[in-house]
């Protein structure tokens, strides 16, 4: 059941193909859509991936919460607009320089 729960945190955007599946590293399994990241104890059926980002640092640097609060049910809808130039990635391929630029 945990693996199925991780699926809701994965990206479904075509320009975020590298975030379409969970990965394991350093004893944890991670899932992210690029905005929210979650981790659970390593799942045996999701292999360790030493090429994946070192997401452990994100959690190591985060403050430990002193209280847990419920997520409100009445959050407002957001009007999300995707950039026409980069498609929401935040970087463009510059042909002349043959590199990505922000």
N, C-alpha and C. Protein backbone atom coordinates (compact mmCIF):
# COMPACT_ATOMS: atom_id res chain seq x y z
N UNK A 1 0.82 -1.20 0.00
CA UNK A 1 0.00 0.00 0.00
C UNK A 1 0.87 1.27 0.00
N UNK A 2 2.03 1.23 0.63
CA UNK A 2 2.87 2.42 0.68
C UNK A 2 3.30 2.83 -0.72
N UNK A 3 3.69 1.87 -1.56
CA UNK A 3 4.14 2.19 -2.91
C UNK A 3 3.03 2.89 -3.68
N UNK A 4 1.82 2.41 -3.58
CA UNK A 4 0.69 3.03 -4.26
C UNK A 4 0.46 4.45 -3.77
N UNK A 5 0.67 4.69 -2.48
CA UNK A 5 0.52 6.04 -1.94
C UNK A 5 1.58 6.99 -2.48
N UNK A 6 2.76 6.48 -2.77
CA UNK A 6 3.82 7.33 -3.31
C UNK A 6 3.48 7.85 -4.71
N UNK A 7 2.66 7.12 -5.45
CA UNK A 7 2.34 7.50 -6.82
C UNK A 7 1.70 8.87 -6.91
N UNK A 8 0.95 9.27 -5.89
CA UNK A 8 0.29 10.58 -5.95
C UNK A 8 1.29 11.74 -5.85
N UNK A 9 2.51 11.46 -5.47
CA UNK A 9 3.52 12.51 -5.34
C UNK A 9 4.47 12.58 -6.53
N UNK A 10 4.23 11.78 -7.55
CA UNK A 10 5.10 11.77 -8.72
C UNK A 10 4.61 12.75 -9.78
N UNK A 11 5.50 13.22 -10.60
CA UNK A 11 5.14 14.15 -11.66
C UNK A 11 4.42 13.45 -12.80
N UNK A 12 3.45 14.13 -13.37
CA UNK A 12 2.76 13.64 -14.56
C UNK A 12 3.02 14.57 -15.74
N UNK A 13 3.91 15.52 -15.56
CA UNK A 13 4.25 16.49 -16.61
C UNK A 13 5.26 15.88 -17.56
N UNK A 14 5.06 16.03 -18.88
CA UNK A 14 6.00 15.43 -19.83
C UNK A 14 7.42 16.00 -19.75
N UNK A 15 7.56 17.23 -19.25
CA UNK A 15 8.90 17.81 -19.16
C UNK A 15 9.60 17.45 -17.85
N UNK A 16 8.97 16.62 -17.03
CA UNK A 16 9.59 16.17 -15.77
C UNK A 16 9.67 14.65 -15.74
N UNK A 17 10.11 14.07 -16.84
CA UNK A 17 10.18 12.61 -16.98
C UNK A 17 11.04 11.98 -15.90
N UNK A 18 12.03 12.70 -15.40
CA UNK A 18 12.94 12.15 -14.39
C UNK A 18 12.27 12.06 -13.01
N UNK A 19 11.04 12.61 -12.88
CA UNK A 19 10.31 12.56 -11.61
C UNK A 19 9.06 11.69 -11.72
N UNK A 20 9.01 10.81 -12.71
CA UNK A 20 7.83 9.98 -12.94
C UNK A 20 7.81 8.69 -12.12
N UNK A 21 8.91 8.39 -11.43
CA UNK A 21 8.94 7.16 -10.64
C UNK A 21 9.72 7.40 -9.35
N UNK A 22 9.39 6.65 -8.30
CA UNK A 22 10.14 6.79 -7.05
C UNK A 22 11.52 6.15 -7.18
N UNK A 23 12.40 6.52 -6.27
CA UNK A 23 13.74 5.94 -6.26
C UNK A 23 14.15 5.70 -4.81
N UNK A 24 15.12 4.83 -4.63
CA UNK A 24 15.65 4.54 -3.30
C UNK A 24 17.11 4.94 -3.26
N UNK A 25 17.52 5.38 -2.08
CA UNK A 25 18.92 5.73 -1.86
C UNK A 25 19.14 5.91 -0.36
N UNK A 26 20.25 5.42 0.13
CA UNK A 26 20.67 5.61 1.53
C UNK A 26 19.60 5.19 2.54
N UNK A 27 18.92 4.08 2.27
CA UNK A 27 17.97 3.54 3.23
C UNK A 27 16.57 4.13 3.19
N UNK A 28 16.28 4.98 2.21
CA UNK A 28 14.95 5.57 2.07
C UNK A 28 14.47 5.45 0.63
N UNK A 29 13.16 5.49 0.45
CA UNK A 29 12.55 5.58 -0.87
C UNK A 29 11.89 6.94 -0.95
N UNK A 30 12.10 7.63 -2.07
CA UNK A 30 11.63 9.00 -2.26
C UNK A 30 10.67 9.08 -3.44
N UNK A 31 9.79 10.07 -3.39
CA UNK A 31 8.92 10.41 -4.51
C UNK A 31 8.73 11.91 -4.49
N UNK A 32 8.74 12.53 -5.68
CA UNK A 32 8.54 13.97 -5.76
C UNK A 32 7.96 14.36 -7.11
N UNK A 33 7.23 15.46 -7.10
CA UNK A 33 6.74 16.04 -8.36
C UNK A 33 7.53 17.31 -8.67
N UNK A 34 8.54 17.59 -7.88
CA UNK A 34 9.35 18.78 -8.05
C UNK A 34 8.95 19.91 -7.13
N UNK A 35 7.81 19.76 -6.48
CA UNK A 35 7.32 20.77 -5.53
C UNK A 35 7.20 20.19 -4.13
N UNK A 36 6.74 18.95 -4.05
CA UNK A 36 6.58 18.24 -2.79
C UNK A 36 7.41 16.97 -2.87
N UNK A 37 8.15 16.69 -1.81
CA UNK A 37 8.94 15.46 -1.77
C UNK A 37 8.57 14.70 -0.50
N UNK A 38 8.43 13.39 -0.63
CA UNK A 38 8.14 12.54 0.52
C UNK A 38 9.16 11.41 0.55
N UNK A 39 9.37 10.87 1.74
CA UNK A 39 10.25 9.72 1.87
C UNK A 39 9.66 8.75 2.88
N UNK A 40 9.96 7.49 2.65
CA UNK A 40 9.56 6.41 3.55
C UNK A 40 10.78 5.51 3.71
N UNK A 41 10.72 4.60 4.66
CA UNK A 41 11.80 3.61 4.77
C UNK A 41 11.92 2.88 3.45
N UNK A 42 13.13 2.50 3.07
CA UNK A 42 13.39 1.91 1.77
C UNK A 42 12.44 0.75 1.49
N UNK A 43 11.86 0.76 0.30
CA UNK A 43 10.98 -0.32 -0.15
C UNK A 43 11.80 -1.31 -0.98
N UNK A 44 11.65 -2.59 -0.68
CA UNK A 44 12.47 -3.62 -1.32
C UNK A 44 12.28 -3.68 -2.83
N UNK A 45 11.08 -3.36 -3.33
CA UNK A 45 10.83 -3.48 -4.76
C UNK A 45 11.18 -2.22 -5.56
N UNK A 46 11.74 -1.21 -4.88
CA UNK A 46 12.24 -0.01 -5.58
C UNK A 46 13.74 0.02 -5.35
N UNK A 47 14.50 -0.27 -6.40
CA UNK A 47 15.95 -0.44 -6.23
C UNK A 47 16.68 0.84 -5.83
N UNK A 48 17.80 0.65 -5.17
CA UNK A 48 18.67 1.76 -4.82
C UNK A 48 19.23 2.34 -6.11
N UNK A 49 19.31 3.65 -6.18
CA UNK A 49 19.77 4.33 -7.39
C UNK A 49 20.81 5.37 -7.02
N UNK A 50 22.08 5.06 -7.24
CA UNK A 50 23.13 6.01 -6.86
C UNK A 50 23.25 7.17 -7.85
N UNK A 51 22.48 7.14 -8.94
CA UNK A 51 22.45 8.25 -9.89
C UNK A 51 21.36 9.27 -9.53
N UNK A 52 20.54 8.94 -8.58
CA UNK A 52 19.44 9.83 -8.19
C UNK A 52 19.96 10.99 -7.33
N UNK A 53 19.17 12.04 -7.21
CA UNK A 53 19.58 13.17 -6.36
C UNK A 53 19.76 12.75 -4.91
N UNK A 54 20.61 13.45 -4.19
CA UNK A 54 20.81 13.17 -2.78
C UNK A 54 19.73 13.90 -1.97
N UNK A 55 18.53 13.35 -2.01
CA UNK A 55 17.39 13.98 -1.34
C UNK A 55 17.50 13.88 0.19
N UNK A 56 18.34 13.00 0.68
CA UNK A 56 18.52 12.88 2.13
C UNK A 56 18.95 14.21 2.74
N UNK A 57 19.76 14.97 2.01
CA UNK A 57 20.21 16.28 2.51
C UNK A 57 19.06 17.23 2.77
N UNK A 58 18.02 17.15 1.94
CA UNK A 58 16.85 18.02 2.13
C UNK A 58 16.24 17.76 3.50
N UNK A 59 16.08 16.49 3.84
CA UNK A 59 15.47 16.14 5.12
C UNK A 59 16.42 16.38 6.29
N UNK A 60 17.71 16.17 6.08
CA UNK A 60 18.68 16.40 7.15
C UNK A 60 18.74 17.88 7.54
N UNK A 61 18.54 18.76 6.58
CA UNK A 61 18.62 20.20 6.85
C UNK A 61 17.30 20.81 7.30
N UNK A 62 16.21 20.08 7.13
CA UNK A 62 14.88 20.62 7.49
C UNK A 62 14.69 20.61 9.00
N UNK A 63 14.04 21.64 9.54
CA UNK A 63 13.78 21.64 10.98
C UNK A 63 12.77 20.55 11.35
N UNK A 64 12.92 20.01 12.52
CA UNK A 64 11.98 19.00 13.01
C UNK A 64 10.73 19.71 13.49
N UNK A 65 9.55 19.34 12.95
CA UNK A 65 8.31 20.03 13.36
C UNK A 65 8.00 19.78 14.84
N UNK A 66 7.48 20.80 15.47
CA UNK A 66 7.09 20.67 16.88
C UNK A 66 5.63 20.26 17.02
N UNK A 67 4.85 20.43 15.94
CA UNK A 67 3.44 20.02 15.95
C UNK A 67 3.02 19.69 14.53
N UNK A 68 2.12 18.75 14.40
CA UNK A 68 1.57 18.38 13.10
C UNK A 68 0.18 18.96 12.99
N UNK A 69 -0.09 19.62 11.88
CA UNK A 69 -1.39 20.25 11.67
C UNK A 69 -2.07 19.60 10.47
N UNK A 70 -3.41 19.51 10.51
CA UNK A 70 -4.11 18.93 9.36
C UNK A 70 -4.10 19.90 8.17
N UNK A 71 -4.16 19.34 6.97
CA UNK A 71 -4.26 20.17 5.77
C UNK A 71 -5.71 20.62 5.64
N UNK A 72 -5.95 21.92 5.45
CA UNK A 72 -7.33 22.40 5.32
C UNK A 72 -8.01 21.80 4.09
N UNK A 73 -9.31 21.55 4.21
CA UNK A 73 -10.09 21.00 3.10
C UNK A 73 -10.52 22.07 2.11
N UNK A 74 -10.50 23.33 2.50
CA UNK A 74 -11.04 24.40 1.67
C UNK A 74 -9.95 25.28 1.06
N UNK A 75 -8.88 24.67 0.57
CA UNK A 75 -7.82 25.45 -0.06
C UNK A 75 -8.33 26.03 -1.38
N UNK A 76 -7.95 27.27 -1.71
CA UNK A 76 -8.43 27.87 -2.96
C UNK A 76 -7.76 27.23 -4.18
N UNK A 77 -8.48 27.23 -5.29
CA UNK A 77 -7.92 26.75 -6.54
C UNK A 77 -6.85 27.72 -7.03
N UNK A 78 -5.83 27.21 -7.67
CA UNK A 78 -4.76 28.07 -8.19
C UNK A 78 -4.86 28.13 -9.71
N UNK A 79 -4.64 29.30 -10.25
CA UNK A 79 -4.60 29.48 -11.69
C UNK A 79 -3.15 29.31 -12.14
N UNK A 80 -2.82 28.13 -12.63
CA UNK A 80 -1.44 27.82 -12.99
C UNK A 80 -1.25 28.06 -14.48
N UNK A 81 -0.22 28.81 -14.81
CA UNK A 81 0.11 29.08 -16.20
C UNK A 81 1.51 28.53 -16.48
N UNK A 82 1.62 27.77 -17.54
CA UNK A 82 2.90 27.20 -17.93
C UNK A 82 3.61 28.17 -18.87
N UNK A 83 4.87 28.40 -18.62
CA UNK A 83 5.69 29.29 -19.43
C UNK A 83 5.74 28.80 -20.88
N UNK A 84 5.49 29.70 -21.83
CA UNK A 84 5.53 29.34 -23.25
C UNK A 84 6.95 29.06 -23.73
N UNK A 85 7.93 29.62 -23.07
CA UNK A 85 9.32 29.46 -23.52
C UNK A 85 9.95 28.16 -23.06
N UNK A 86 9.77 27.83 -21.77
CA UNK A 86 10.47 26.66 -21.22
C UNK A 86 9.54 25.51 -20.86
N UNK A 87 8.23 25.72 -20.93
CA UNK A 87 7.30 24.65 -20.58
C UNK A 87 7.26 24.35 -19.09
N UNK A 88 7.73 25.26 -18.27
CA UNK A 88 7.69 25.07 -16.82
C UNK A 88 8.95 24.48 -16.23
N UNK A 89 9.93 24.16 -17.05
CA UNK A 89 11.18 23.58 -16.55
C UNK A 89 12.05 24.62 -15.87
N UNK A 90 11.99 25.86 -16.36
CA UNK A 90 12.80 26.91 -15.78
C UNK A 90 14.14 27.10 -16.46
N UNK A 91 14.39 26.34 -17.53
CA UNK A 91 15.65 26.44 -18.26
C UNK A 91 15.37 26.34 -19.76
N UNK A 92 16.19 26.97 -20.55
CA UNK A 92 16.09 26.92 -22.00
C UNK A 92 17.39 26.40 -22.59
N UNK A 93 17.27 25.63 -23.69
CA UNK A 93 18.46 25.17 -24.40
C UNK A 93 18.89 26.28 -25.35
N UNK A 94 20.10 26.78 -25.15
CA UNK A 94 20.64 27.83 -26.00
C UNK A 94 21.53 27.16 -27.05
N UNK A 95 21.05 27.15 -28.30
CA UNK A 95 21.77 26.43 -29.36
C UNK A 95 23.17 26.98 -29.58
N UNK A 96 23.30 28.30 -29.56
CA UNK A 96 24.60 28.90 -29.82
C UNK A 96 25.64 28.46 -28.79
N UNK A 97 25.26 28.38 -27.53
CA UNK A 97 26.17 28.01 -26.44
C UNK A 97 26.20 26.50 -26.20
N UNK A 98 25.24 25.80 -26.77
CA UNK A 98 25.07 24.37 -26.55
C UNK A 98 25.02 24.03 -25.07
N UNK A 99 24.16 24.76 -24.36
CA UNK A 99 24.00 24.51 -22.92
C UNK A 99 22.64 25.01 -22.46
N UNK A 100 22.27 24.57 -21.26
CA UNK A 100 21.01 25.01 -20.64
C UNK A 100 21.28 26.29 -19.85
N UNK A 101 20.34 27.22 -19.91
CA UNK A 101 20.44 28.45 -19.12
C UNK A 101 19.12 28.69 -18.42
N UNK A 102 19.20 29.24 -17.23
CA UNK A 102 17.99 29.56 -16.46
C UNK A 102 17.39 30.85 -16.93
